[in-house]
PDB file of N, CA and C in Angstrom:
ATOM      1  N   UNK A   1    -334.486 -61.987 100.422  1.00  0.00           N
ATOM      2  CA  UNK A   1    -335.675 -61.602 101.778  1.00  0.00           C
ATOM      3  C   UNK A   1    -334.911 -60.257 102.136  1.00  0.00           C
ATOM      4  N   UNK A   2    -335.857 -59.523 102.063  1.00  0.00           N
ATOM      5  CA  UNK A   2    -335.640 -57.713 102.687  1.00  0.00           C
ATOM      6  C   UNK A   2    -334.636 -57.801 103.344  1.00  0.00           C
ATOM      7  N   UNK A   3    -335.015 -58.582 104.690  1.00  0.00           N
ATOM      8  CA  UNK A   3    -334.006 -58.706 106.042  1.00  0.00           C
ATOM      9  C   UNK A   3    -333.328 -59.350 106.061  1.00  0.00           C
ATOM     10  N   UNK A   4    -332.217 -59.755 104.551  1.00  0.00           N
ATOM     11  CA  UNK A   4    -331.109 -60.220 104.531  1.00  0.00           C
ATOM     12  C   UNK A   4    -330.350 -59.083 104.347  1.00  0.00           C
ATOM     13  N   UNK A   5    -331.278 -57.767 103.675  1.00  0.00           N
ATOM     14  CA  UNK A   5    -329.735 -56.894 102.662  1.00  0.00           C
ATOM     15  C   UNK A   5    -329.859 -56.177 104.354  1.00  0.00           C
ATOM     16  N   UNK A   6    -328.378 -55.438 104.148  1.00  0.00           N
ATOM     17  CA  UNK A   6    -327.709 -54.873 104.700  1.00  0.00           C
ATOM     18  C   UNK A   6    -328.528 -53.167 105.315  1.00  0.00           C
ATOM     19  N   UNK A   7    -329.561 -52.628 104.416  1.00  0.00           N
ATOM     20  CA  UNK A   7    -329.966 -51.995 104.738  1.00  0.00           C
ATOM     21  C   UNK A   7    -331.469 -52.112 105.200  1.00  0.00           C
ATOM     22  N   UNK A   8    -332.023 -54.114 105.353  1.00  0.00           N
ATOM     23  CA  UNK A   8    -332.925 -54.244 105.177  1.00  0.00           C
ATOM     24  C   UNK A   8    -334.085 -53.827 104.283  1.00  0.00           C
ATOM     25  N   UNK A   9    -334.187 -53.352 103.397  1.00  0.00           N
ATOM     26  CA  UNK A   9    -334.946 -53.371 102.261  1.00  0.00           C
ATOM     27  C   UNK A   9    -334.241 -53.608 100.573  1.00  0.00           C
ATOM     28  N   UNK A  10    -335.392 -53.992  99.826  1.00  0.00           N
ATOM     29  CA  UNK A  10    -335.172 -54.525  99.217  1.00  0.00           C
ATOM     30  C   UNK A  10    -334.116 -53.674  97.685  1.00  0.00           C
ATOM     31  N   UNK A  11    -334.528 -52.468  98.135  1.00  0.00           N
ATOM     32  CA  UNK A  11    -334.235 -51.440  97.934  1.00  0.00           C
ATOM     33  C   UNK A  11    -332.143 -51.306  97.435  1.00  0.00           C
ATOM     34  N   UNK A  12    -331.665 -52.258  98.389  1.00  0.00           N
ATOM     35  CA  UNK A  12    -330.348 -52.167  98.582  1.00  0.00           C
ATOM     36  C   UNK A  12    -329.344 -52.661  97.402  1.00  0.00           C
ATOM     37  N   UNK A  13    -330.251 -53.669  96.772  1.00  0.00           N
ATOM     38  CA  UNK A  13    -329.441 -54.680  95.517  1.00  0.00           C
ATOM     39  C   UNK A  13    -329.775 -53.254  94.314  1.00  0.00           C
ATOM     40  N   UNK A  14    -330.794 -52.719  94.048  1.00  0.00           N
ATOM     41  CA  UNK A  14    -330.607 -51.995  93.201  1.00  0.00           C
ATOM     42  C   UNK A  14    -329.585 -50.724  93.121  1.00  0.00           C
ATOM     43  N   UNK A  15    -328.894 -50.238  94.497  1.00  0.00           N
ATOM     44  CA  UNK A  15    -328.673 -48.764  94.786  1.00  0.00           C
ATOM     45  C   UNK A  15    -327.427 -49.370  94.785  1.00  0.00           C
ATOM     46  N   UNK A  16    -327.333 -50.566  95.649  1.00  0.00           N
ATOM     47  CA  UNK A  16    -325.650 -51.224  95.646  1.00  0.00           C
ATOM     48  C   UNK A  16    -325.456 -51.179  94.139  1.00  0.00           C
ATOM     49  N   UNK A  17    -325.859 -51.979  93.426  1.00  0.00           N
ATOM     50  CA  UNK A  17    -325.727 -52.659  91.802  1.00  0.00           C
ATOM     51  C   UNK A  17    -324.961 -50.987  90.649  1.00  0.00           C
ATOM     52  N   UNK A  18    -326.236 -49.928  91.377  1.00  0.00           N
ATOM     53  CA  UNK A  18    -325.370 -48.639  90.380  1.00  0.00           C
ATOM     54  C   UNK A  18    -324.044 -48.103  91.063  1.00  0.00           C
ATOM     55  N   UNK A  19    -324.152 -48.350  92.537  1.00  0.00           N
ATOM     56  CA  UNK A  19    -322.947 -47.748  93.486  1.00  0.00           C
ATOM     57  C   UNK A  19    -321.887 -48.178  92.851  1.00  0.00           C
ATOM     58  N   UNK A  20    -322.088 -49.614  92.945  1.00  0.00           N
ATOM     59  CA  UNK A  20    -320.955 -50.455  92.611  1.00  0.00           C
ATOM     60  C   UNK A  20    -319.697 -49.920  90.495  1.00  0.00           C
ATOM     61  N   UNK A  21    -321.342 -49.676  89.767  1.00  0.00           N
ATOM     62  CA  UNK A  21    -321.030 -49.263  88.741  1.00  0.00           C
ATOM     63  C   UNK A  21    -320.366 -48.116  88.495  1.00  0.00           C
ATOM     64  N   UNK A  22    -320.937 -47.421  89.307  1.00  0.00           N
ATOM     65  CA  UNK A  22    -320.274 -45.715  89.337  1.00  0.00           C
ATOM     66  C   UNK A  22    -318.773 -46.051  89.816  1.00  0.00           C
ATOM     67  N   UNK A  23    -318.774 -46.249  91.073  1.00  0.00           N
ATOM     68  CA  UNK A  23    -316.886 -46.817  91.124  1.00  0.00           C
ATOM     69  C   UNK A  23    -316.353 -47.534  90.255  1.00  0.00           C
ATOM     70  N   UNK A  24    -316.924 -48.238  89.842  1.00  0.00           N
ATOM     71  CA  UNK A  24    -315.893 -48.795  88.351  1.00  0.00           C
ATOM     72  C   UNK A  24    -315.671 -47.878  87.529  1.00  0.00           C
ATOM     73  N   UNK A  25    -316.498 -47.464  87.092  1.00  0.00           N
ATOM     74  CA  UNK A  25    -316.403 -46.227  85.656  1.00  0.00           C
ATOM     75  C   UNK A  25    -315.882 -45.190  86.149  1.00  0.00           C
ATOM     76  N   UNK A  26    -316.092 -44.635  87.587  1.00  0.00           N
ATOM     77  CA  UNK A  26    -315.419 -43.057  87.620  1.00  0.00           C
ATOM     78  C   UNK A  26    -314.756 -42.886  88.578  1.00  0.00           C
ATOM     79  N   UNK A  27    -314.363 -44.451  89.646  1.00  0.00           N
ATOM     80  CA  UNK A  27    -313.275 -44.157  90.461  1.00  0.00           C
ATOM     81  C   UNK A  27    -313.361 -43.818  91.657  1.00  0.00           C
ATOM     82  N   UNK A  28    -312.624 -44.330  92.753  1.00  0.00           N
ATOM     83  CA  UNK A  28    -313.305 -44.022  94.294  1.00  0.00           C
ATOM     84  C   UNK A  28    -313.468 -42.901  94.781  1.00  0.00           C
ATOM     85  N   UNK A  29    -313.209 -41.773  93.630  1.00  0.00           N
ATOM     86  CA  UNK A  29    -313.703 -40.131  94.665  1.00  0.00           C
ATOM     87  C   UNK A  29    -314.825 -39.575  93.696  1.00  0.00           C
ATOM     88  N   UNK A  30    -315.891 -40.735  93.188  1.00  0.00           N
ATOM     89  CA  UNK A  30    -317.280 -40.396  92.946  1.00  0.00           C
ATOM     90  C   UNK A  30    -317.877 -40.040  94.590  1.00  0.00           C
ATOM     91  N   UNK A  31    -318.636 -39.405  94.221  1.00  0.00           N
ATOM     92  CA  UNK A  31    -319.817 -38.941  95.260  1.00  0.00           C
ATOM     93  C   UNK A  31    -321.108 -39.338  94.701  1.00  0.00           C
ATOM     94  N   UNK A  32    -321.910 -40.121  95.979  1.00  0.00           N
ATOM     95  CA  UNK A  32    -323.291 -40.363  95.683  1.00  0.00           C
ATOM     96  C   UNK A  32    -323.996 -39.556  95.983  1.00  0.00           C
ATOM     97  N   UNK A  33    -325.027 -38.984  95.476  1.00  0.00           N
ATOM     98  CA  UNK A  33    -326.450 -38.001  96.413  1.00  0.00           C
ATOM     99  C   UNK A  33    -327.726 -38.446  95.876  1.00  0.00           C
ATOM    100  N   UNK A  34    -328.224 -38.363  96.807  1.00  0.00           N
ATOM    101  CA  UNK A  34    -329.866 -39.264  97.005  1.00  0.00           C
ATOM    102  C   UNK A  34    -330.571 -38.253  98.130  1.00  0.00           C
ATOM    103  N   UNK A  35    -331.893 -38.004  97.382  1.00  0.00           N
ATOM    104  CA  UNK A  35    -332.930 -37.908  98.279  1.00  0.00           C
ATOM    105  C   UNK A  35    -334.036 -38.790  98.708  1.00  0.00           C
ATOM    106  N   UNK A  36    -334.093 -38.653  99.707  1.00  0.00           N
ATOM    107  CA  UNK A  36    -335.082 -40.058 100.205  1.00  0.00           C
ATOM    108  C   UNK A  36    -335.974 -39.594 101.453  1.00  0.00           C
ATOM    109  N   UNK A  37    -336.819 -40.192 101.707  1.00  0.00           N
ATOM    110  CA  UNK A  37    -337.742 -40.401 102.311  1.00  0.00           C
ATOM    111  C   UNK A  37    -337.202 -41.301 103.883  1.00  0.00           C
ATOM    112  N   UNK A  38    -335.911 -42.217 103.593  1.00  0.00           N
ATOM    113  CA  UNK A  38    -335.217 -43.003 104.796  1.00  0.00           C
ATOM    114  C   UNK A  38    -335.036 -44.208 103.934  1.00  0.00           C
ATOM    115  N   UNK A  39    -335.691 -45.387 103.256  1.00  0.00           N
ATOM    116  CA  UNK A  39    -335.294 -46.739 102.998  1.00  0.00           C
ATOM    117  C   UNK A  39    -334.448 -46.527 101.633  1.00  0.00           C
ATOM    118  N   UNK A  40    -334.516 -45.981 101.172  1.00  0.00           N
ATOM    119  CA  UNK A  40    -333.386 -45.532  99.536  1.00  0.00           C
ATOM    120  C   UNK A  40    -331.942 -45.108  99.798  1.00  0.00           C
ATOM    121  N   UNK A  41    -332.692 -44.120 101.150  1.00  0.00           N
ATOM    122  CA  UNK A  41    -331.047 -43.232 102.016  1.00  0.00           C
ATOM    123  C   UNK A  41    -330.250 -44.079 102.313  1.00  0.00           C
ATOM    124  N   UNK A  42    -331.192 -44.964 103.368  1.00  0.00           N
ATOM    125  CA  UNK A  42    -330.210 -46.169 104.027  1.00  0.00           C
ATOM    126  C   UNK A  42    -329.625 -47.022 102.899  1.00  0.00           C
ATOM    127  N   UNK A  43    -330.236 -47.348 102.214  1.00  0.00           N
ATOM    128  CA  UNK A  43    -329.744 -48.447 101.054  1.00  0.00           C
ATOM    129  C   UNK A  43    -328.290 -48.014 100.297  1.00  0.00           C
ATOM    130  N   UNK A  44    -328.837 -46.471 100.098  1.00  0.00           N
ATOM    131  CA  UNK A  44    -327.326 -45.308  99.265  1.00  0.00           C
ATOM    132  C   UNK A  44    -326.246 -45.734 100.885  1.00  0.00           C
ATOM    133  N   UNK A  45    -326.360 -45.270 101.478  1.00  0.00           N
ATOM    134  CA  UNK A  45    -325.361 -45.023 102.658  1.00  0.00           C
ATOM    135  C   UNK A  45    -324.760 -46.457 102.767  1.00  0.00           C
ATOM    136  N   UNK A  46    -325.698 -47.799 103.048  1.00  0.00           N
ATOM    137  CA  UNK A  46    -325.078 -48.775 103.147  1.00  0.00           C
ATOM    138  C   UNK A  46    -324.019 -49.358 101.881  1.00  0.00           C
ATOM    139  N   UNK A  47    -324.451 -48.787 100.940  1.00  0.00           N
ATOM    140  CA  UNK A  47    -323.439 -49.361  99.555  1.00  0.00           C
ATOM    141  C   UNK A  47    -322.396 -48.409 100.172  1.00  0.00           C
ATOM    142  N   UNK A  48    -322.363 -47.570  99.590  1.00  0.00           N
ATOM    143  CA  UNK A  48    -321.940 -46.488 100.114  1.00  0.00           C
ATOM    144  C   UNK A  48    -320.087 -46.618 101.095  1.00  0.00           C
ATOM    145  N   UNK A  49    -321.211 -46.835 102.221  1.00  0.00           N
ATOM    146  CA  UNK A  49    -319.682 -47.106 103.530  1.00  0.00           C
ATOM    147  C   UNK A  49    -319.259 -48.877 102.899  1.00  0.00           C
ATOM    148  N   UNK A  50    -319.919 -50.058 102.043  1.00  0.00           N
ATOM    149  CA  UNK A  50    -319.024 -50.823 102.068  1.00  0.00           C
ATOM    150  C   UNK A  50    -317.894 -50.731 100.726  1.00  0.00           C
ATOM    151  N   UNK A  51    -318.318 -49.635 100.016  1.00  0.00           N
ATOM    152  CA  UNK A  51    -317.751 -49.099  98.543  1.00  0.00           C
ATOM    153  C   UNK A  51    -316.851 -48.663  99.067  1.00  0.00           C
ATOM    154  N   UNK A  52    -316.759 -47.626  99.831  1.00  0.00           N
ATOM    155  CA  UNK A  52    -315.729 -46.432 101.042  1.00  0.00           C
ATOM    156  C   UNK A  52    -315.791 -45.137  99.651  1.00  0.00           C
ATOM    157  N   UNK A  53    -317.595 -44.727  99.328  1.00  0.00           N
ATOM    158  CA  UNK A  53    -317.133 -43.879  98.516  1.00  0.00           C
ATOM    159  C   UNK A  53    -318.037 -42.650  99.309  1.00  0.00           C
ATOM    160  N   UNK A  54    -318.068 -41.573  98.849  1.00  0.00           N
ATOM    161  CA  UNK A  54    -318.778 -40.210  99.433  1.00  0.00           C
ATOM    162  C   UNK A  54    -320.028 -40.251  99.378  1.00  0.00           C
ATOM    163  N   UNK A  55    -320.949 -39.771 100.107  1.00  0.00           N
ATOM    164  CA  UNK A  55    -321.905 -40.505 100.230  1.00  0.00           C
ATOM    165  C   UNK A  55    -322.925 -39.129 100.951  1.00  0.00           C
ATOM    166  N   UNK A  56    -323.782 -38.150 100.142  1.00  0.00           N
ATOM    167  CA  UNK A  56    -324.454 -37.191 100.726  1.00  0.00           C
ATOM    168  C   UNK A  56    -326.246 -37.186 100.733  1.00  0.00           C
ATOM    169  N   UNK A  57    -326.961 -37.642 101.412  1.00  0.00           N
ATOM    170  CA  UNK A  57    -328.345 -38.122 101.279  1.00  0.00           C
ATOM    171  C   UNK A  57    -329.289 -36.792 101.938  1.00  0.00           C
ATOM    172  N   UNK A  58    -330.304 -36.173 101.210  1.00  0.00           N
ATOM    173  CA  UNK A  58    -330.960 -35.254 101.292  1.00  0.00           C
ATOM    174  C   UNK A  58    -332.275 -35.914 102.045  1.00  0.00           C
ATOM    175  N   UNK A  59    -332.752 -35.404 103.067  1.00  0.00           N
ATOM    176  CA  UNK A  59    -334.005 -35.758 103.600  1.00  0.00           C
ATOM    177  C   UNK A  59    -335.185 -34.514 103.873  1.00  0.00           C
ATOM    178  N   UNK A  60    -336.113 -34.737 103.542  1.00  0.00           N
ATOM    179  CA  UNK A  60    -337.180 -33.646 104.228  1.00  0.00           C
ATOM    180  C   UNK A  60    -336.954 -33.237 105.792  1.00  0.00           C
ATOM    181  N   UNK A  61    -337.013 -31.894 105.559  1.00  0.00           N
ATOM    182  CA  UNK A  61    -336.992 -31.387 107.363  1.00  0.00           C
ATOM    183  C   UNK A  61    -338.006 -32.567 107.924  1.00  0.00           C
ATOM    184  N   UNK A  62    -337.767 -32.949 109.027  1.00  0.00           N
ATOM    185  CA  UNK A  62    -338.931 -33.099 110.104  1.00  0.00           C
ATOM    186  C   UNK A  62    -338.538 -35.135 109.849  1.00  0.00           C
ATOM    187  N   UNK A  63    -337.503 -35.570 109.241  1.00  0.00           N
ATOM    188  CA  UNK A  63    -337.177 -36.023 109.424  1.00  0.00           C
ATOM    189  C   UNK A  63    -337.227 -37.287 110.800  1.00  0.00           C
ATOM    190  N   UNK A  64    -337.311 -38.765 110.932  1.00  0.00           N
ATOM    191  CA  UNK A  64    -337.077 -39.098 112.301  1.00  0.00           C
ATOM    192  C   UNK A  64    -335.701 -39.206 112.539  1.00  0.00           C
ATOM    193  N   UNK A  65    -335.267 -39.090 113.656  1.00  0.00           N
ATOM    194  CA  UNK A  65    -334.028 -39.249 114.339  1.00  0.00           C
ATOM    195  C   UNK A  65    -333.243 -40.302 114.254  1.00  0.00           C
ATOM    196  N   UNK A  66    -333.732 -41.386 114.115  1.00  0.00           N
ATOM    197  CA  UNK A  66    -333.719 -42.769 114.115  1.00  0.00           C
ATOM    198  C   UNK A  66    -332.837 -42.874 112.724  1.00  0.00           C
ATOM    199  N   UNK A  67    -333.797 -42.360 111.968  1.00  0.00           N
ATOM    200  CA  UNK A  67    -333.298 -42.179 110.604  1.00  0.00           C
ATOM    201  C   UNK A  67    -331.936 -42.080 110.095  1.00  0.00           C
ATOM    202  N   UNK A  68    -331.956 -40.665 110.703  1.00  0.00           N
ATOM    203  CA  UNK A  68    -330.919 -39.742 110.447  1.00  0.00           C
ATOM    204  C   UNK A  68    -329.720 -39.926 111.483  1.00  0.00           C
ATOM    205  N   UNK A  69    -329.667 -41.097 112.279  1.00  0.00           N
ATOM    206  CA  UNK A  69    -328.487 -41.619 113.479  1.00  0.00           C
ATOM    207  C   UNK A  69    -328.466 -42.983 112.422  1.00  0.00           C
ATOM    208  N   UNK A  70    -328.741 -43.660 111.798  1.00  0.00           N
ATOM    209  CA  UNK A  70    -328.342 -44.655 111.404  1.00  0.00           C
ATOM    210  C   UNK A  70    -328.222 -44.373 109.521  1.00  0.00           C
ATOM    211  N   UNK A  71    -328.091 -43.297 109.059  1.00  0.00           N
ATOM    212  CA  UNK A  71    -327.706 -42.735 107.990  1.00  0.00           C
ATOM    213  C   UNK A  71    -325.976 -42.143 108.297  1.00  0.00           C
ATOM    214  N   UNK A  72    -325.942 -41.828 109.145  1.00  0.00           N
ATOM    215  CA  UNK A  72    -324.734 -41.286 109.817  1.00  0.00           C
ATOM    216  C   UNK A  72    -324.056 -42.496 110.537  1.00  0.00           C
ATOM    217  N   UNK A  73    -324.523 -43.434 111.196  1.00  0.00           N
ATOM    218  CA  UNK A  73    -323.528 -44.361 111.665  1.00  0.00           C
ATOM    219  C   UNK A  73    -323.129 -44.972 110.152  1.00  0.00           C
ATOM    220  N   UNK A  74    -323.732 -44.768 109.194  1.00  0.00           N
ATOM    221  CA  UNK A  74    -322.673 -45.651 107.475  1.00  0.00           C
ATOM    222  C   UNK A  74    -322.037 -44.402 106.946  1.00  0.00           C
ATOM    223  N   UNK A  75    -322.071 -43.478 107.579  1.00  0.00           N
ATOM    224  CA  UNK A  75    -320.668 -42.453 107.711  1.00  0.00           C
ATOM    225  C   UNK A  75    -320.884 -41.674 105.955  1.00  0.00           C
ATOM    226  N   UNK A  76    -322.552 -41.397 106.073  1.00  0.00           N
ATOM    227  CA  UNK A  76    -322.840 -40.511 104.816  1.00  0.00           C
ATOM    228  C   UNK A  76    -322.959 -38.744 105.762  1.00  0.00           C
ATOM    229  N   UNK A  77    -323.153 -37.813 104.996  1.00  0.00           N
ATOM    230  CA  UNK A  77    -323.726 -36.709 105.262  1.00  0.00           C
ATOM    231  C   UNK A  77    -325.139 -36.639 105.138  1.00  0.00           C
ATOM    232  N   UNK A  78    -326.172 -35.900 106.024  1.00  0.00           N
ATOM    233  CA  UNK A  78    -327.269 -36.246 106.073  1.00  0.00           C
ATOM    234  C   UNK A  78    -327.641 -34.606 106.004  1.00  0.00           C
ATOM    235  N   UNK A  79    -328.317 -34.075 104.887  1.00  0.00           N
ATOM    236  CA  UNK A  79    -329.142 -32.770 104.851  1.00  0.00           C
ATOM    237  C   UNK A  79    -330.419 -32.332 105.159  1.00  0.00           C
ATOM    238  N   UNK A  80    -331.187 -32.075 105.745  1.00  0.00           N
ATOM    239  CA  UNK A  80    -332.176 -32.300 106.380  1.00  0.00           C
ATOM    240  C   UNK A  80    -332.586 -30.894 105.252  1.00  0.00           C
ATOM    241  N   UNK A  81    -333.659 -30.733 104.181  1.00  0.00           N
ATOM    242  CA  UNK A  81    -333.722 -29.521 103.412  1.00  0.00           C
ATOM    243  C   UNK A  81    -335.313 -29.812 102.523  1.00  0.00           C
ATOM    244  N   UNK A  82    -335.748 -28.863 102.809  1.00  0.00           N
ATOM    245  CA  UNK A  82    -337.334 -28.547 102.230  1.00  0.00           C
ATOM    246  C   UNK A  82    -338.200 -28.924 103.009  1.00  0.00           C
ATOM    247  N   UNK A  83    -339.527 -28.556 102.883  1.00  0.00           N
ATOM    248  CA  UNK A  83    -340.904 -29.365 103.152  1.00  0.00           C
ATOM    249  C   UNK A  83    -341.491 -31.217 103.430  1.00  0.00           C
ATOM    250  N   UNK A  84    -340.754 -31.421 102.426  1.00  0.00           N
ATOM    251  CA  UNK A  84    -341.579 -32.888 101.500  1.00  0.00           C
ATOM    252  C   UNK A  84    -339.969 -33.411 100.838  1.00  0.00           C
ATOM    253  N   UNK A  85    -340.343 -34.846 100.222  1.00  0.00           N
ATOM    254  CA  UNK A  85    -339.307 -35.075  99.793  1.00  0.00           C
ATOM    255  C   UNK A  85    -338.823 -34.532  97.762  1.00  0.00           C
ATOM    256  N   UNK A  86    -340.183 -33.784  97.426  1.00  0.00           N
ATOM    257  CA  UNK A  86    -339.704 -33.033  96.480  1.00  0.00           C
ATOM    258  C   UNK A  86    -339.314 -31.756  96.507  1.00  0.00           C
ATOM    259  N   UNK A  87    -338.893 -31.057  97.804  1.00  0.00           N
ATOM    260  CA  UNK A  87    -337.908 -30.289  97.852  1.00  0.00           C
ATOM    261  C   UNK A  87    -336.784 -30.483  98.361  1.00  0.00           C
ATOM    262  N   UNK A  88    -336.892 -31.824  98.816  1.00  0.00           N
ATOM    263  CA  UNK A  88    -335.082 -32.119  99.147  1.00  0.00           C
ATOM    264  C   UNK A  88    -334.878 -32.412  97.796  1.00  0.00           C
ATOM    265  N   UNK A  89    -335.342 -33.520  96.893  1.00  0.00           N
ATOM    266  CA  UNK A  89    -335.198 -33.828  95.033  1.00  0.00           C
ATOM    267  C   UNK A  89    -334.281 -32.589  94.424  1.00  0.00           C
ATOM    268  N   UNK A  90    -335.447 -31.708  94.703  1.00  0.00           N
ATOM    269  CA  UNK A  90    -334.468 -30.645  93.760  1.00  0.00           C
ATOM    270  C   UNK A  90    -333.452 -30.015  94.213  1.00  0.00           C
ATOM    271  N   UNK A  91    -332.966 -30.024  95.650  1.00  0.00           N
ATOM    272  CA  UNK A  91    -332.129 -29.301  96.114  1.00  0.00           C
ATOM    273  C   UNK A  91    -330.818 -30.557  95.735  1.00  0.00           C
ATOM    274  N   UNK A  92    -331.081 -31.595  96.064  1.00  0.00           N
ATOM    275  CA  UNK A  92    -329.933 -33.086  95.903  1.00  0.00           C
ATOM    276  C   UNK A  92    -329.598 -32.764  94.281  1.00  0.00           C
ATOM    277  N   UNK A  93    -330.788 -32.445  93.477  1.00  0.00           N
ATOM    278  CA  UNK A  93    -330.090 -32.139  92.089  1.00  0.00           C
ATOM    279  C   UNK A  93    -329.557 -30.761  91.392  1.00  0.00           C
ATOM    280  N   UNK A  94    -329.723 -29.964  91.752  1.00  0.00           N
ATOM    281  CA  UNK A  94    -329.123 -28.546  92.295  1.00  0.00           C
ATOM    282  C   UNK A  94    -327.791 -28.707  92.219  1.00  0.00           C
ATOM    283  N   UNK A  95    -327.133 -29.083  93.624  1.00  0.00           N
ATOM    284  CA  UNK A  95    -326.350 -29.598  94.070  1.00  0.00           C
ATOM    285  C   UNK A  95    -325.531 -30.422  93.523  1.00  0.00           C
ATOM    286  N   UNK A  96    -326.082 -31.754  92.911  1.00  0.00           N
ATOM    287  CA  UNK A  96    -325.448 -32.780  92.132  1.00  0.00           C
ATOM    288  C   UNK A  96    -325.169 -32.105  90.841  1.00  0.00           C
ATOM    289  N   UNK A  97    -325.587 -31.348  90.436  1.00  0.00           N
ATOM    290  CA  UNK A  97    -325.369 -30.632  89.158  1.00  0.00           C
ATOM    291  C   UNK A  97    -324.067 -29.528  89.071  1.00  0.00           C
ATOM    292  N   UNK A  98    -323.803 -29.180  90.372  1.00  0.00           N
ATOM    293  CA  UNK A  98    -322.416 -28.274  90.605  1.00  0.00           C
ATOM    294  C   UNK A  98    -320.967 -29.326  91.242  1.00  0.00           C
ATOM    295  N   UNK A  99    -321.634 -30.632  91.464  1.00  0.00           N
ATOM    296  CA  UNK A  99    -320.352 -31.097  91.853  1.00  0.00           C
ATOM    297  C   UNK A  99    -319.939 -32.219  90.525  1.00  0.00           C
ATOM    298  N   UNK A 100    -319.243 -32.294  89.888  1.00  0.00           N
ATOM    299  CA  UNK A 100    -318.426 -33.153  88.795  1.00  0.00           C
ATOM    300  C   UNK A 100    -318.570 -34.757  89.056  1.00  0.00           C
ATOM    301  N   UNK A 101    -318.363 -34.656  90.487  1.00  0.00           N
ATOM    302  CA  UNK A 101    -317.800 -36.441  90.772  1.00  0.00           C
ATOM    303  C   UNK A 101    -319.237 -36.970  91.377  1.00  0.00           C
ATOM    304  N   UNK A 102    -320.384 -36.132  91.467  1.00  0.00           N
ATOM    305  CA  UNK A 102    -321.710 -36.748  91.677  1.00  0.00           C
ATOM    306  C   UNK A 102    -322.695 -37.337  90.916  1.00  0.00           C
ATOM    307  N   UNK A 103    -323.400 -38.084  91.439  1.00  0.00           N
ATOM    308  CA  UNK A 103    -324.036 -39.140  90.814  1.00  0.00           C
ATOM    309  C   UNK A 103    -325.020 -39.761  91.565  1.00  0.00           C
TER     310      UNK A 103
END
């Protein structure tokens, strides 16, 4: 049941597994970077919080303040970028390429 997941979304299962594997393979200095419209970002934020990993989430400008607050409550950095998901994702990809600890 997705409502039992920390992020209230089924996306938490896959993203948290990815985050666990990154931490096991790359260590606690790993930095999760994701572009999201909301739910996937929240799943990454919850997983990162649980694993004590740094997390940066790129959202398109105009994202709901409720979602931004929920992401920040989990300890993630939130960056609003671009007019849509595609532009936010391109920026997340660009920034990740410059950070050797980003995944």
